[in-house]
N, C-alpha and C. Protein backbone atom coordinates (compact mmCIF):
# COMPACT_ATOMS: atom_id res chain seq x y z
N UNK A 1 47.60 -173.57 88.03
CA UNK A 1 48.86 -174.33 88.13
C UNK A 1 49.61 -174.31 86.94
N UNK A 2 48.86 -174.56 85.79
CA UNK A 2 49.57 -174.63 84.36
C UNK A 2 50.03 -173.17 84.05
N UNK A 3 49.34 -172.12 84.42
CA UNK A 3 49.72 -170.78 84.03
C UNK A 3 51.04 -170.43 84.76
N UNK A 4 51.06 -170.88 86.15
CA UNK A 4 52.36 -170.55 87.00
C UNK A 4 53.52 -171.33 86.29
N UNK A 5 53.49 -172.61 85.80
CA UNK A 5 54.53 -173.26 85.30
C UNK A 5 55.07 -172.47 83.98
N UNK A 6 54.17 -171.95 83.20
CA UNK A 6 54.34 -171.36 81.93
C UNK A 6 55.18 -170.02 82.35
N UNK A 7 54.67 -169.34 83.16
CA UNK A 7 55.08 -168.10 83.73
C UNK A 7 56.55 -168.18 84.31
N UNK A 8 56.77 -169.28 84.96
CA UNK A 8 58.18 -169.68 85.58
C UNK A 8 59.19 -169.91 84.45
N UNK A 9 58.66 -170.59 83.27
CA UNK A 9 59.51 -171.05 82.18
C UNK A 9 60.06 -169.60 81.49
N UNK A 10 58.94 -168.84 81.29
CA UNK A 10 59.43 -167.54 80.78
C UNK A 10 60.32 -166.78 81.54
N UNK A 11 60.28 -166.64 82.89
CA UNK A 11 61.19 -165.97 83.64
C UNK A 11 62.51 -166.68 83.53
N UNK A 12 62.56 -168.04 83.53
CA UNK A 12 63.81 -168.68 83.42
C UNK A 12 64.50 -168.37 82.05
N UNK A 13 63.83 -168.32 81.03
CA UNK A 13 64.28 -168.00 79.70
C UNK A 13 64.78 -166.50 79.69
N UNK A 14 64.07 -165.35 80.47
CA UNK A 14 64.63 -164.22 80.47
C UNK A 14 65.85 -164.05 81.24
N UNK A 15 66.00 -164.93 82.40
CA UNK A 15 67.28 -164.79 83.17
C UNK A 15 68.38 -165.35 82.20
N UNK A 16 68.28 -166.58 81.61
CA UNK A 16 69.17 -167.14 80.65
C UNK A 16 69.76 -165.95 79.59
N UNK A 17 68.68 -165.44 78.92
CA UNK A 17 69.04 -164.38 78.10
C UNK A 17 69.92 -163.19 78.66
N UNK A 18 69.44 -162.87 79.95
CA UNK A 18 70.14 -161.85 80.61
C UNK A 18 71.50 -162.10 80.75
N UNK A 19 71.96 -163.56 81.26
CA UNK A 19 73.18 -163.86 81.44
C UNK A 19 74.02 -163.97 80.01
N UNK A 20 73.35 -164.49 79.00
CA UNK A 20 74.05 -164.40 77.76
C UNK A 20 74.42 -163.17 77.23
N UNK A 21 73.44 -162.03 77.43
CA UNK A 21 73.75 -160.88 76.95
C UNK A 21 74.90 -160.16 77.82
N UNK A 22 75.12 -160.47 79.14
CA UNK A 22 76.16 -159.88 79.96
C UNK A 22 77.42 -160.70 79.43
N UNK A 23 77.39 -161.92 79.06
CA UNK A 23 78.65 -162.65 78.40
C UNK A 23 79.11 -162.03 77.16
N UNK A 24 78.01 -161.69 76.22
CA UNK A 24 78.38 -160.86 74.91
C UNK A 24 78.97 -159.69 75.37
N UNK A 25 78.51 -158.73 76.27
CA UNK A 25 78.94 -157.54 76.59
C UNK A 25 80.47 -157.78 77.13
N UNK A 26 80.89 -158.70 77.86
CA UNK A 26 82.16 -158.95 78.41
C UNK A 26 83.10 -159.34 77.18
N UNK A 27 82.51 -160.04 76.25
CA UNK A 27 83.36 -160.62 75.23
C UNK A 27 83.65 -159.35 74.31
N UNK A 28 82.73 -158.50 74.06
CA UNK A 28 82.90 -157.30 73.18
C UNK A 28 83.80 -156.32 73.86
N UNK A 29 83.91 -156.23 75.03
CA UNK A 29 84.90 -155.39 75.91
C UNK A 29 86.37 -155.96 75.75
N UNK A 30 86.36 -157.33 75.90
CA UNK A 30 87.71 -157.90 75.92
C UNK A 30 88.31 -158.24 74.60
N UNK A 31 87.59 -158.13 73.42
CA UNK A 31 88.18 -158.42 72.17
C UNK A 31 89.00 -157.37 71.53
N UNK A 32 90.28 -157.75 70.95
CA UNK A 32 91.13 -156.97 70.41
C UNK A 32 90.71 -156.65 68.87
N UNK A 33 90.09 -157.72 68.31
CA UNK A 33 89.55 -157.43 67.10
C UNK A 33 88.42 -156.72 66.86
N UNK A 34 88.33 -155.41 66.36
CA UNK A 34 87.18 -154.57 66.45
C UNK A 34 86.06 -155.12 65.78
N UNK A 35 86.15 -155.97 64.63
CA UNK A 35 85.21 -156.34 63.85
C UNK A 35 84.39 -157.28 64.70
N UNK A 36 85.09 -158.30 65.47
CA UNK A 36 84.53 -159.19 66.34
C UNK A 36 83.81 -158.69 67.57
N UNK A 37 84.37 -157.49 68.10
CA UNK A 37 83.66 -156.68 68.97
C UNK A 37 82.32 -156.12 68.49
N UNK A 38 82.20 -155.61 67.37
CA UNK A 38 81.07 -155.16 66.81
C UNK A 38 80.04 -156.26 66.70
N UNK A 39 80.35 -157.55 66.34
CA UNK A 39 79.59 -158.60 66.10
C UNK A 39 79.06 -158.93 67.45
N UNK A 40 79.77 -158.97 68.45
CA UNK A 40 79.48 -159.36 69.86
C UNK A 40 78.49 -158.31 70.33
N UNK A 41 78.72 -157.17 69.95
CA UNK A 41 77.64 -156.00 70.50
C UNK A 41 76.45 -156.23 69.84
N UNK A 42 76.41 -156.64 68.54
CA UNK A 42 75.28 -156.88 67.84
C UNK A 42 74.42 -158.18 68.40
N UNK A 43 75.22 -159.12 68.86
CA UNK A 43 74.57 -160.38 69.60
C UNK A 43 73.93 -159.88 70.76
N UNK A 44 74.68 -158.95 71.48
CA UNK A 44 74.14 -158.48 72.87
C UNK A 44 72.85 -157.79 72.53
N UNK A 45 72.70 -156.91 71.52
CA UNK A 45 71.59 -156.26 71.22
C UNK A 45 70.51 -156.99 70.76
N UNK A 46 70.85 -158.12 70.15
CA UNK A 46 69.81 -159.18 69.77
C UNK A 46 69.18 -159.77 70.99
N UNK A 47 69.95 -160.02 72.00
CA UNK A 47 69.40 -160.66 73.30
C UNK A 47 68.54 -159.63 73.90
N UNK A 48 68.95 -158.33 73.95
CA UNK A 48 68.17 -157.28 74.44
C UNK A 48 66.83 -157.18 73.84
N UNK A 49 66.90 -157.17 72.53
CA UNK A 49 65.50 -157.13 71.78
C UNK A 49 64.64 -158.32 72.18
N UNK A 50 65.23 -159.45 72.35
CA UNK A 50 64.59 -160.73 72.81
C UNK A 50 63.83 -160.47 74.12
N UNK A 51 64.56 -159.83 75.06
CA UNK A 51 64.09 -159.55 76.48
C UNK A 51 62.94 -158.64 76.23
N UNK A 52 62.98 -157.54 75.37
CA UNK A 52 61.95 -156.58 75.25
C UNK A 52 60.54 -157.45 74.76
N UNK A 53 60.83 -158.33 73.90
CA UNK A 53 59.74 -159.08 73.36
C UNK A 53 59.14 -159.83 74.33
N UNK A 54 59.93 -160.40 75.33
CA UNK A 54 59.30 -161.21 76.46
C UNK A 54 58.63 -160.26 77.45
N UNK A 55 59.24 -159.11 77.52
CA UNK A 55 58.53 -158.09 78.45
C UNK A 55 57.35 -157.44 77.91
N UNK A 56 56.98 -157.82 76.59
CA UNK A 56 55.66 -157.43 75.87
C UNK A 56 55.75 -155.95 75.49
N UNK A 57 57.00 -155.75 74.89
CA UNK A 57 57.14 -154.25 74.25
C UNK A 57 57.49 -154.37 72.90
N UNK A 58 56.49 -154.94 72.09
CA UNK A 58 56.89 -155.17 70.78
C UNK A 58 57.23 -153.85 69.78
N UNK A 59 56.82 -152.73 70.26
CA UNK A 59 56.95 -151.40 69.55
C UNK A 59 58.45 -151.02 69.83
N UNK A 60 58.99 -151.34 71.01
CA UNK A 60 60.36 -151.05 71.29
C UNK A 60 61.35 -152.14 70.49
N UNK A 61 60.76 -153.42 70.42
CA UNK A 61 61.63 -154.41 69.44
C UNK A 61 61.70 -153.90 68.12
N UNK A 62 60.60 -153.47 67.55
CA UNK A 62 60.48 -153.09 66.21
C UNK A 62 61.48 -151.93 65.84
N UNK A 63 61.85 -151.07 66.82
CA UNK A 63 62.70 -149.90 66.60
C UNK A 63 64.09 -150.34 66.87
N UNK A 64 64.24 -151.19 68.07
CA UNK A 64 65.53 -151.67 68.52
C UNK A 64 66.31 -152.47 67.59
N UNK A 65 65.64 -153.43 67.06
CA UNK A 65 66.24 -154.44 66.00
C UNK A 65 66.88 -153.79 64.87
N UNK A 66 66.16 -152.91 64.03
CA UNK A 66 66.83 -152.46 62.87
C UNK A 66 68.05 -151.33 63.26
N UNK A 67 67.82 -150.66 64.36
CA UNK A 67 68.82 -149.54 64.78
C UNK A 67 70.04 -150.35 65.39
N UNK A 68 69.85 -151.20 66.54
CA UNK A 68 70.91 -151.66 67.32
C UNK A 68 71.47 -152.82 66.71
N UNK A 69 70.86 -153.65 65.86
CA UNK A 69 71.28 -154.73 65.32
C UNK A 69 71.81 -154.60 63.83
N UNK A 70 71.38 -153.47 63.21
CA UNK A 70 71.53 -153.41 61.69
C UNK A 70 72.33 -151.98 61.53
N UNK A 71 71.81 -150.83 61.91
CA UNK A 71 72.33 -149.70 61.41
C UNK A 71 73.59 -149.41 62.21
N UNK A 72 73.63 -149.45 63.64
CA UNK A 72 74.86 -149.22 64.31
C UNK A 72 75.96 -150.15 64.05
N UNK A 73 75.87 -151.35 63.98
CA UNK A 73 76.96 -152.21 63.64
C UNK A 73 77.56 -151.86 62.15
N UNK A 74 76.57 -151.66 61.34
CA UNK A 74 77.02 -151.34 59.92
C UNK A 74 77.70 -150.16 59.90
N UNK A 75 77.30 -149.02 60.47
CA UNK A 75 78.22 -147.72 60.64
C UNK A 75 79.49 -148.02 61.24
N UNK A 76 79.62 -148.74 62.22
CA UNK A 76 80.87 -149.08 62.98
C UNK A 76 81.64 -149.91 62.09
N UNK A 77 81.11 -150.83 61.22
CA UNK A 77 82.00 -151.62 60.37
C UNK A 77 82.59 -150.79 59.29
N UNK A 78 81.76 -149.81 58.89
CA UNK A 78 82.38 -148.84 57.82
C UNK A 78 83.44 -148.06 58.45
N UNK A 79 83.31 -147.66 59.67
CA UNK A 79 84.30 -146.74 60.28
C UNK A 79 85.43 -147.58 60.52
N UNK A 80 85.39 -148.87 60.88
CA UNK A 80 86.44 -149.80 61.11
C UNK A 80 87.29 -149.97 59.75
N UNK A 81 86.54 -150.08 58.66
CA UNK A 81 87.32 -150.26 57.39
C UNK A 81 88.05 -148.93 57.09
N UNK A 82 87.77 -147.97 57.67
CA UNK A 82 88.56 -146.73 57.26
C UNK A 82 89.81 -146.56 58.16
N UNK A 83 89.88 -147.44 59.20
CA UNK A 83 90.98 -147.28 60.14
C UNK A 83 91.53 -148.77 60.16
N UNK A 84 92.36 -149.05 61.38
CA UNK A 84 92.87 -150.37 61.47
C UNK A 84 91.88 -151.27 62.36
N UNK A 85 92.02 -152.52 61.86
CA UNK A 85 91.17 -153.48 62.35
C UNK A 85 91.24 -153.98 63.93
N UNK A 86 92.70 -153.86 64.27
CA UNK A 86 93.16 -154.28 65.46
C UNK A 86 93.35 -153.19 66.55
N UNK A 87 92.78 -153.39 67.82
CA UNK A 87 93.09 -152.32 68.71
C UNK A 87 94.62 -152.58 69.29
N UNK A 88 95.18 -151.39 69.46
CA UNK A 88 96.58 -151.48 69.89
C UNK A 88 96.60 -151.62 71.35
N UNK A 89 97.64 -152.25 71.91
CA UNK A 89 97.78 -152.52 73.27
C UNK A 89 98.23 -151.52 74.19
């Protein structure tokens, strides 16, 4: 019984993380400020890494965090600094 309750809590946390990552993706798509869009994308990647952790895939988390949360947003921010920050309508 105790094991079933803790497993249910983990599934509930995973569902909440899934919804939050979907919200972050939507906000990144709708955002006109490209820097904020990159930040929302990094937040979404952090939620995915947390999901991978709950799915017991630590090797994927160890690769996904530096690349999807650190390297890609860093490169995108450098590229944005070379162009305009705001998306044209």
